């Protein structure tokens, strides 16, 4: 093994895999937090576990990984139970109950640190806040690097890595085995209860799972930055797709890209641009995850800003064309088959809107320009008949079924006529004949 590879194995391999395990476990459980609108639960639990960490030190008299993990996990479970107790006894919503329990538990942890012997021990706040991925090195001897992988070499892997691997295995097993229950309880808790699933029990189990993942990720990404990994990969995937299965896989991909990209950025990015040293890996993970989320928010083909703007613009274009055709059709009914551009601008609410609609309608072959103005083609006349039919059928429905007055239905029907629905065609014409409430004939056909 050459020196470069040996250095990578000893210094970077375990931190890189630890970052990936933390990102994956947070992303998997974070999907259901995002769906349930409980994204800040991880932040709340990360504060509530402080008394468990201090109590574990007081009992075990050590800062080793497993005692701290057990104490923090126990505090997280107690916090979840207390939230439910406050919610039931105080008859308040879950958010209010969380706002009571978690700050109180965090304050209790601070009091314990100040009053107990733990205040004389180096419990580094920056480690809890920002993580210490850089310290998870694999302390292998030169002989171990040259020999095949052995149990002695595995025994030198930092305990925090095994904790992260265990939390990832637990989360993966819960998501795979309980996917149906988690999906139903996240989208429709009442349906889950009617199907025999206890949505409340599932909610508690999810909170406990968040506590386990949060505690296991302390050393990797810190108790605060773990929130970014719980929210960002899942939210990024949610912006891209509306299918839960696809969202889960996308969040896995995003978390892996985040871990790998952030590690490369933090460890090698600063020297690559001429800056001394390296950047905190956990901070790079949060930055990278936030950048991916920002990209998805802008460029997502389903929920991105650009896609929504394009859909709104396409809808506005279609509505303006249909308004133009409807206006020309009504004018033709009144014996004016050609309308001047000035008249169209007044009827359609502006010169720019009328000019653009005429240009597109002429290009589509549903309108034609003449010396005196604009008129409908045969295709446009047929299309306009469908639009006016939909409009007048909606007016009929609003009067005869919804009970509105005839002089109050034009504006609502003006909006509904642009909806792509067959509801209007299923409305029976008035009993007095094929006329709308204003006495205008209802054309045959549909747009």
Protein backbone atom coordinates (compact mmCIF):
# COMPACT_ATOMS: atom_id res chain seq x y z
CA UNK A 1 0.00 0.00 0.00
CA UNK A 2 1.53 3.29 -1.05
CA UNK A 3 1.85 6.23 1.32
CA UNK A 4 -1.04 8.24 -0.19
CA UNK A 5 -3.48 5.36 0.09
CA UNK A 6 -2.25 4.51 3.59
CA UNK A 7 -2.80 8.10 4.69
CA UNK A 8 -6.31 8.08 3.20
CA UNK A 9 -7.20 4.82 5.00
CA UNK A 10 -5.90 6.02 8.35
CA UNK A 11 -7.12 9.63 8.22
CA UNK A 12 -10.07 9.91 5.82
CA UNK A 13 -11.74 6.51 5.31
CA UNK A 14 -13.59 6.19 8.61
CA UNK A 15 -14.68 9.87 8.78
CA UNK A 16 -15.95 9.65 5.20
CA UNK A 17 -18.01 6.53 5.91
CA UNK A 18 -19.18 8.00 9.22
CA UNK A 19 -20.40 11.11 7.42
CA UNK A 20 -22.24 8.91 4.92
CA UNK A 21 -23.84 6.79 7.66
CA UNK A 22 -24.97 9.89 9.58
CA UNK A 23 -26.36 11.53 6.44
CA UNK A 24 -28.20 8.36 5.35
CA UNK A 25 -29.79 7.64 8.73
CA UNK A 26 -30.88 11.26 9.13
CA UNK A 27 -32.25 11.40 5.58
CA UNK A 28 -34.31 8.22 5.88
CA UNK A 29 -36.08 9.25 9.07
CA UNK A 30 -36.21 12.88 7.93
CA UNK A 31 -38.50 11.99 5.01
CA UNK A 32 -41.32 11.17 7.39
CA UNK A 33 -40.66 14.26 9.51
CA UNK A 34 -40.99 16.43 6.40
CA UNK A 35 -44.22 14.68 5.38
CA UNK A 36 -45.67 15.09 8.88
CA UNK A 37 -44.58 18.76 9.08
CA UNK A 38 -42.41 17.96 12.12
CA UNK A 39 -39.04 18.90 10.66
CA UNK A 40 -37.86 20.71 13.80
CA UNK A 41 -38.39 17.66 16.00
CA UNK A 42 -34.71 16.77 15.61
CA UNK A 43 -33.64 20.20 16.84
CA UNK A 44 -35.94 19.92 19.83
CA UNK A 45 -34.72 16.45 20.75
CA UNK A 46 -31.07 17.48 20.38
CA UNK A 47 -31.65 19.98 23.18
CA UNK A 48 -33.72 17.62 25.32
CA UNK A 49 -31.04 14.92 25.51
CA UNK A 50 -28.53 17.11 27.37
CA UNK A 51 -29.63 15.94 30.87
CA UNK A 52 -29.30 12.35 29.70
CA UNK A 53 -25.72 12.97 28.58
CA UNK A 54 -24.79 14.61 31.89
CA UNK A 55 -26.57 11.92 33.92
CA UNK A 56 -24.77 9.19 31.97
CA UNK A 57 -21.44 10.75 32.82
CA UNK A 58 -22.34 11.05 36.50
CA UNK A 59 -23.36 7.39 36.66
CA UNK A 60 -20.64 5.85 34.49
CA UNK A 61 -17.91 8.42 35.31
CA UNK A 62 -16.73 8.29 31.70
CA UNK A 63 -17.27 10.09 28.43
CA UNK A 64 -17.12 6.88 26.41
CA UNK A 65 -19.52 6.57 23.50
CA UNK A 66 -21.95 3.91 24.64
CA UNK A 67 -22.81 5.31 28.12
CA UNK A 68 -23.39 8.73 26.59
CA UNK A 69 -25.48 7.18 23.83
CA UNK A 70 -27.65 5.24 26.27
CA UNK A 71 -28.17 8.26 28.51
CA UNK A 72 -29.06 10.57 25.63
CA UNK A 73 -31.40 8.00 24.07
CA UNK A 74 -33.14 7.51 27.41
CA UNK A 75 -33.57 11.29 27.75
CA UNK A 76 -35.01 11.43 24.24
CA UNK A 77 -37.54 8.71 25.05
CA UNK A 78 -38.49 10.42 28.31
CA UNK A 79 -38.95 13.70 26.43
CA UNK A 80 -41.30 12.04 23.94
CA UNK A 81 -43.36 10.53 26.77
CA UNK A 82 -43.50 13.86 28.61
CA UNK A 83 -44.67 15.63 25.46
CA UNK A 84 -47.55 13.17 25.15
CA UNK A 85 -48.37 13.55 28.86
CA UNK A 86 -48.45 17.37 28.64
CA UNK A 87 -50.50 17.19 25.46
CA UNK A 88 -53.11 14.96 27.07
CA UNK A 89 -53.31 16.55 30.51
CA UNK A 90 -52.99 20.12 29.30
CA UNK A 91 -55.15 19.54 26.22
CA UNK A 92 -52.78 21.50 24.03
CA UNK A 93 -51.38 20.79 20.59
CA UNK A 94 -48.16 18.83 20.14
CA UNK A 95 -46.17 21.94 19.19
CA UNK A 96 -47.09 23.68 22.44
CA UNK A 97 -46.27 20.57 24.44
CA UNK A 98 -42.86 20.35 22.77
CA UNK A 99 -42.29 24.03 23.51
CA UNK A 100 -42.79 23.27 27.21
CA UNK A 101 -40.91 19.99 27.61
CA UNK A 102 -37.77 20.45 25.52
CA UNK A 103 -36.60 23.82 26.95
CA UNK A 104 -37.26 22.56 30.49
CA UNK A 105 -35.17 19.44 29.88
CA UNK A 106 -32.39 21.48 28.29
CA UNK A 107 -32.40 23.82 31.30
CA UNK A 108 -32.27 20.78 33.60
CA UNK A 109 -29.19 19.57 31.76
CA UNK A 110 -27.51 22.96 32.16
CA UNK A 111 -28.30 22.95 35.89
CA UNK A 112 -26.82 19.46 36.24
CA UNK A 113 -23.64 20.58 34.51
CA UNK A 114 -23.35 23.58 36.79
CA UNK A 115 -24.21 21.87 40.07
CA UNK A 116 -22.71 18.42 39.66
CA UNK A 117 -19.16 17.21 39.26
CA UNK A 118 -19.56 17.29 35.49
CA UNK A 119 -18.81 20.99 35.51
CA UNK A 120 -15.14 20.18 36.18
CA UNK A 121 -14.88 17.95 33.12
CA UNK A 122 -14.06 19.02 29.59
CA UNK A 123 -17.46 18.53 27.93
CA UNK A 124 -16.61 20.51 24.79
CA UNK A 125 -19.62 22.48 23.58
CA UNK A 126 -18.18 22.84 20.09
CA UNK A 127 -18.07 19.06 19.76
CA UNK A 128 -21.76 18.84 20.59
CA UNK A 129 -22.66 21.73 18.31
CA UNK A 130 -20.45 21.15 15.27
CA UNK A 131 -19.29 17.56 15.50
CA UNK A 132 -15.76 16.17 15.33
CA UNK A 133 -15.60 14.02 12.25
CA UNK A 134 -11.94 14.85 11.86
CA UNK A 135 -11.08 12.95 15.07
CA UNK A 136 -12.57 9.65 13.92
CA UNK A 137 -9.27 8.41 12.49
CA UNK A 138 -8.41 4.72 12.11
CA UNK A 139 -5.34 4.17 14.26
CA UNK A 140 -3.69 1.39 12.26
CA UNK A 141 -0.10 0.36 12.61
CA UNK A 142 2.09 -0.04 9.50
CA UNK A 143 1.91 -3.82 9.91
CA UNK A 144 -1.91 -3.71 9.95
CA UNK A 145 -1.92 -1.63 6.79
CA UNK A 146 0.12 -4.24 4.99
CA UNK A 147 -1.76 -7.27 6.36
CA UNK A 148 -5.32 -8.42 5.50
CA UNK A 149 -8.17 -6.96 7.52
CA UNK A 150 -8.24 -8.51 10.99
CA UNK A 151 -10.34 -8.33 14.14
CA UNK A 152 -7.56 -6.35 15.81
CA UNK A 153 -7.72 -3.76 13.03
CA UNK A 154 -11.52 -3.56 13.31
CA UNK A 155 -11.14 -3.08 17.04
CA UNK A 156 -9.25 0.14 16.36
CA UNK A 157 -12.22 1.67 14.52
CA UNK A 158 -13.66 4.49 16.68
CA UNK A 159 -16.75 3.46 18.63
CA UNK A 160 -18.67 6.42 17.20
CA UNK A 161 -18.49 4.84 13.76
CA UNK A 162 -20.16 1.64 15.02
CA UNK A 163 -22.82 3.72 16.73
CA UNK A 164 -23.58 5.48 13.45
CA UNK A 165 -23.59 2.18 11.59
CA UNK A 166 -25.97 0.70 14.16
CA UNK A 167 -28.36 3.65 13.93
CA UNK A 168 -28.32 3.37 10.12
CA UNK A 169 -29.13 -0.35 10.32
CA UNK A 170 -31.96 0.33 12.79
CA UNK A 171 -33.48 3.12 10.70
CA UNK A 172 -33.20 1.09 7.50
CA UNK A 173 -34.90 -1.91 9.12
CA UNK A 174 -37.74 0.21 10.50
CA UNK A 175 -38.33 1.97 7.18
CA UNK A 176 -38.27 -1.26 5.16
CA UNK A 177 -40.38 -3.36 7.55
CA UNK A 178 -42.80 -0.60 8.57
CA UNK A 179 -42.99 1.33 5.32
CA UNK A 180 -46.71 0.73 4.82
CA UNK A 181 -47.59 1.84 8.34
CA UNK A 182 -45.30 4.85 8.21
CA UNK A 183 -46.70 5.92 4.83
CA UNK A 184 -50.34 5.68 5.89
CA UNK A 185 -49.77 7.34 9.27
CA UNK A 186 -47.81 10.20 7.67
CA UNK A 187 -50.42 11.04 5.03
CA UNK A 188 -53.65 10.18 6.89
CA UNK A 189 -53.47 9.35 10.63
CA UNK A 190 -57.25 8.78 10.81
CA UNK A 191 -57.08 6.23 8.01
CA UNK A 192 -54.19 4.51 9.76
CA UNK A 193 -56.26 4.21 12.92
CA UNK A 194 -59.25 2.84 11.00
CA UNK A 195 -56.98 0.23 9.39
CA UNK A 196 -55.81 -0.97 12.79
CA UNK A 197 -52.53 0.96 12.98
CA UNK A 198 -52.02 3.14 16.04
CA UNK A 199 -51.00 6.44 14.49
CA UNK A 200 -50.10 7.78 17.94
CA UNK A 201 -47.84 4.80 18.62
CA UNK A 202 -46.22 5.24 15.20
CA UNK A 203 -45.66 8.91 15.97
CA UNK A 204 -43.97 8.03 19.27
CA UNK A 205 -41.84 5.38 17.61
CA UNK A 206 -40.75 7.89 14.98
CA UNK A 207 -39.80 10.38 17.70
CA UNK A 208 -37.76 7.72 19.48
CA UNK A 209 -36.06 6.90 16.18
CA UNK A 210 -35.23 10.59 15.72
CA UNK A 211 -33.74 10.60 19.22
CA UNK A 212 -31.55 7.59 18.43
CA UNK A 213 -30.35 9.09 15.14
CA UNK A 214 -29.71 12.47 16.74
CA UNK A 215 -27.67 11.03 19.58
CA UNK A 216 -25.70 8.72 17.31
CA UNK A 217 -24.85 11.67 15.05
CA UNK A 218 -23.51 13.89 17.83
CA UNK A 219 -19.88 13.13 17.13
CA UNK A 220 -20.36 13.24 13.36
CA UNK A 221 -22.43 16.35 12.66
CA UNK A 222 -23.24 17.75 16.08
CA UNK A 223 -26.53 18.19 17.89
CA UNK A 224 -27.41 21.35 15.95
CA UNK A 225 -26.17 20.54 12.46
CA UNK A 226 -27.95 17.18 12.57
CA UNK A 227 -31.09 19.21 11.89
CA UNK A 228 -29.76 20.12 8.45
CA UNK A 229 -29.27 16.43 7.63
CA UNK A 230 -32.74 15.56 8.94
CA UNK A 231 -34.42 18.19 6.79
CA UNK A 232 -32.36 19.12 3.72
CA UNK A 233 -32.00 15.76 1.88
CA UNK A 234 -35.65 14.87 2.49
CA UNK A 235 -36.90 18.35 1.54
CA UNK A 236 -34.73 18.32 -1.59
CA UNK A 237 -36.20 14.99 -2.67
CA UNK A 238 -39.71 16.19 -1.83
CA UNK A 239 -39.29 19.14 -4.17
CA UNK A 240 -38.35 16.83 -7.02
CA UNK A 241 -41.04 14.15 -6.75
CA UNK A 242 -44.50 13.48 -5.32
CA UNK A 243 -43.99 9.70 -4.97
CA UNK A 244 -42.83 8.56 -1.55
CA UNK A 245 -40.81 5.59 -2.80
CA UNK A 246 -38.94 7.78 -5.27
CA UNK A 247 -38.52 10.44 -2.60
CA UNK A 248 -36.83 7.96 -0.27
CA UNK A 249 -34.36 6.85 -2.93
CA UNK A 250 -33.67 10.42 -4.00
CA UNK A 251 -33.00 11.43 -0.39
CA UNK A 252 -30.51 8.56 -0.16
CA UNK A 253 -28.74 9.82 -3.29
CA UNK A 254 -28.75 13.41 -2.01
CA UNK A 255 -27.36 12.36 1.38
CA UNK A 256 -24.56 10.33 -0.22
CA UNK A 257 -23.67 13.21 -2.56
CA UNK A 258 -23.79 15.57 0.43
CA UNK A 259 -21.48 13.42 2.54
CA UNK A 260 -18.97 12.83 -0.24
CA UNK A 261 -19.08 16.34 -1.65
CA UNK A 262 -18.95 18.01 1.76
CA UNK A 263 -16.03 15.86 2.88
CA UNK A 264 -14.09 16.69 -0.27
CA UNK A 265 -14.98 20.37 0.12
CA UNK A 266 -14.04 20.50 3.79
CA UNK A 267 -10.89 18.38 3.67
CA UNK A 268 -9.43 19.33 0.31
CA UNK A 269 -11.31 22.42 -0.85
CA UNK A 270 -9.43 25.01 1.19
CA UNK A 271 -5.93 23.85 0.14
CA UNK A 272 -7.12 23.62 -3.47
CA UNK A 273 -7.86 27.36 -3.51
CA UNK A 274 -4.70 28.31 -1.65
CA UNK A 275 -6.14 28.62 1.87
CA UNK A 276 -4.30 27.05 4.79
CA UNK A 277 -5.72 24.04 6.65
CA UNK A 278 -9.15 22.54 6.13
CA UNK A 279 -12.79 23.38 6.88
CA UNK A 280 -14.99 21.74 9.51
CA UNK A 281 -16.61 18.75 7.79
CA UNK A 282 -19.93 19.02 9.61
CA UNK A 283 -20.26 22.66 8.61
CA UNK A 284 -19.46 21.71 5.03
CA UNK A 285 -22.21 19.06 5.15
CA UNK A 286 -24.80 21.62 6.22
CA UNK A 287 -23.59 24.07 3.56
CA UNK A 288 -23.59 21.43 0.82
CA UNK A 289 -27.04 20.12 1.82
CA UNK A 290 -28.43 23.66 1.87
CA UNK A 291 -26.95 24.37 -1.55
CA UNK A 292 -28.59 21.25 -3.03
CA UNK A 293 -31.90 22.26 -1.45
CA UNK A 294 -31.61 25.75 -2.95
CA UNK A 295 -30.92 24.29 -6.39
CA UNK A 296 -33.95 21.99 -6.09
CA UNK A 297 -36.13 24.88 -4.92
CA UNK A 298 -35.24 26.82 -8.04
CA UNK A 299 -34.83 24.14 -10.71
CA UNK A 300 -37.13 21.27 -9.66
CA UNK A 301 -39.30 20.20 -12.62
CA UNK A 302 -42.34 19.77 -10.36
CA UNK A 303 -42.19 22.28 -7.50
CA UNK A 304 -39.30 24.54 -8.48
CA UNK A 305 -39.63 28.29 -8.87
CA UNK A 306 -38.82 28.14 -12.59
CA UNK A 307 -41.31 25.32 -13.26
CA UNK A 308 -44.09 27.09 -11.36
CA UNK A 309 -43.38 30.31 -13.23
CA UNK A 310 -43.49 28.45 -16.55
CA UNK A 311 -46.81 26.80 -15.66
CA UNK A 312 -48.33 30.10 -14.56
CA UNK A 313 -47.13 31.78 -17.74
CA UNK A 314 -48.51 28.95 -19.90
CA UNK A 315 -51.84 29.16 -18.08
CA UNK A 316 -51.99 32.93 -18.50
CA UNK A 317 -51.25 32.53 -22.21
CA UNK A 318 -53.98 29.93 -22.66
CA UNK A 319 -56.51 32.00 -20.71
CA UNK A 320 -55.79 35.11 -22.78
CA UNK A 321 -56.25 33.17 -26.03
CA UNK A 322 -59.53 31.68 -24.81
CA UNK A 323 -60.72 35.10 -23.64
CA UNK A 324 -59.94 36.47 -27.10
CA UNK A 325 -61.86 33.70 -28.86
CA UNK A 326 -64.77 34.03 -26.44
CA UNK A 327 -64.89 37.78 -26.95
CA UNK A 328 -64.90 37.43 -30.74
CA UNK A 329 -67.58 34.73 -30.57
CA UNK A 330 -69.88 36.89 -28.44
CA UNK A 331 -69.36 39.84 -30.79
CA UNK A 332 -70.24 37.62 -33.75
CA UNK A 333 -73.43 36.56 -31.96
CA UNK A 334 -74.35 40.25 -31.72
CA UNK A 335 -73.75 40.75 -35.45
CA UNK A 336 -70.20 42.15 -35.30
CA UNK A 337 -67.93 39.49 -36.80
CA UNK A 338 -64.88 41.79 -36.85
CA UNK A 339 -63.54 43.71 -33.86
CA UNK A 340 -60.97 46.47 -34.04
CA UNK A 341 -57.79 46.17 -31.95
CA UNK A 342 -58.77 49.18 -29.84
CA UNK A 343 -62.08 47.53 -28.98
CA UNK A 344 -60.36 44.21 -28.17
CA UNK A 345 -57.86 46.02 -25.93
CA UNK A 346 -60.74 47.61 -23.97
CA UNK A 347 -62.64 44.32 -23.63
CA UNK A 348 -59.57 42.24 -22.66
CA UNK A 349 -58.04 44.62 -20.15
CA UNK A 350 -55.06 46.03 -22.00
CA UNK A 351 -53.35 46.52 -25.33
CA UNK A 352 -50.40 44.22 -24.55
CA UNK A 353 -52.65 41.34 -23.52
CA UNK A 354 -54.89 41.72 -26.57
CA UNK A 355 -51.96 42.07 -28.99
CA UNK A 356 -50.20 38.98 -27.65
CA UNK A 357 -53.40 36.92 -27.70
CA UNK A 358 -54.16 37.97 -31.29
CA UNK A 359 -50.64 37.11 -32.43
CA UNK A 360 -50.82 33.62 -30.91
CA UNK A 361 -54.38 33.00 -32.12
CA UNK A 362 -53.48 33.97 -35.68
CA UNK A 363 -50.44 31.68 -35.56
CA UNK A 364 -52.67 28.83 -34.29
CA UNK A 365 -55.17 29.38 -37.10
CA UNK A 366 -58.15 30.21 -34.89
CA UNK A 367 -58.23 33.95 -35.70
CA UNK A 368 -57.44 36.08 -38.75
CA UNK A 369 -56.52 39.70 -39.28
CA UNK A 370 -58.58 41.86 -41.63
CA UNK A 371 -58.40 45.46 -42.62
CA UNK A 372 -60.97 46.45 -40.01
CA UNK A 373 -59.61 44.27 -37.21
CA UNK A 374 -59.69 40.63 -36.08
CA UNK A 375 -62.22 37.88 -36.83
CA UNK A 376 -62.61 34.16 -36.13
CA UNK A 377 -61.72 31.42 -38.56
CA UNK A 378 -63.91 28.33 -38.89
CA UNK A 379 -61.66 26.47 -36.47
CA UNK A 380 -61.74 29.41 -34.08
CA UNK A 381 -65.52 29.61 -34.32
CA UNK A 382 -65.82 25.95 -33.37
CA UNK A 383 -63.37 26.41 -30.51
CA UNK A 384 -65.20 29.54 -29.32
CA UNK A 385 -68.51 27.69 -29.33
CA UNK A 386 -67.03 25.19 -26.91
CA UNK A 387 -65.74 27.90 -24.57
CA UNK A 388 -69.05 29.78 -24.55
CA UNK A 389 -70.94 26.51 -24.04
CA UNK A 390 -68.83 25.73 -20.97
CA UNK A 391 -69.32 29.28 -19.65
CA UNK A 392 -73.11 29.23 -20.03
CA UNK A 393 -73.49 25.73 -18.64
CA UNK A 394 -71.59 26.85 -15.53
CA UNK A 395 -73.88 29.86 -15.25
CA UNK A 396 -76.85 27.47 -15.46
CA UNK A 397 -75.35 25.26 -12.76
CA UNK A 398 -74.62 28.16 -10.43
CA UNK A 399 -78.19 29.43 -10.70
CA UNK A 400 -80.15 26.17 -10.69
CA UNK A 401 -77.95 24.04 -8.42
CA UNK A 402 -75.98 26.50 -6.28
CA UNK A 403 -78.86 28.95 -5.84
CA UNK A 404 -77.01 32.10 -6.94
CA UNK A 405 -78.76 35.02 -8.57
CA UNK A 406 -78.42 35.28 -12.34
CA UNK A 407 -76.68 38.66 -12.12
CA UNK A 408 -74.00 37.17 -9.83
CA UNK A 409 -72.81 34.21 -11.91
CA UNK A 410 -70.96 35.75 -14.85
CA UNK A 411 -67.65 36.40 -13.08
CA UNK A 412 -67.42 32.91 -11.45
CA UNK A 413 -68.29 31.30 -14.79
CA UNK A 414 -65.62 33.45 -16.46
CA UNK A 415 -63.06 31.66 -14.27
CA UNK A 416 -64.58 28.19 -14.48
CA UNK A 417 -64.78 28.21 -18.27
CA UNK A 418 -61.00 27.84 -18.43
CA UNK A 419 -60.91 24.72 -16.24
CA UNK A 420 -60.28 21.52 -18.14
CA UNK A 421 -63.24 19.55 -16.79
CA UNK A 422 -66.25 17.69 -18.11
CA UNK A 423 -68.42 18.86 -15.24
CA UNK A 424 -70.01 21.57 -17.36
CA UNK A 425 -71.03 19.11 -20.08
CA UNK A 426 -72.87 16.96 -17.53
CA UNK A 427 -75.19 19.83 -16.57
CA UNK A 428 -78.65 19.53 -18.07
CA UNK A 429 -79.87 22.60 -19.99
CA UNK A 430 -82.73 24.57 -18.41
CA UNK A 431 -86.21 23.08 -18.74
CA UNK A 432 -87.32 26.12 -20.74
CA UNK A 433 -84.88 25.27 -23.54
CA UNK A 434 -81.17 25.38 -24.35
CA UNK A 435 -80.75 28.87 -22.88
CA UNK A 436 -78.57 30.18 -20.07
CA UNK A 437 -80.04 32.18 -17.15
CA UNK A 438 -79.68 35.37 -19.19
CA UNK A 439 -81.61 34.00 -22.16
CA UNK A 440 -78.56 33.43 -24.38
CA UNK A 441 -78.41 30.20 -26.41
CA UNK A 442 -76.02 27.46 -25.22
CA UNK A 443 -73.93 26.35 -28.22
CA UNK A 444 -73.34 22.70 -29.05
CA UNK A 445 -69.92 21.09 -28.75
CA UNK A 446 -67.05 21.48 -26.28
CA UNK A 447 -63.60 23.05 -26.42
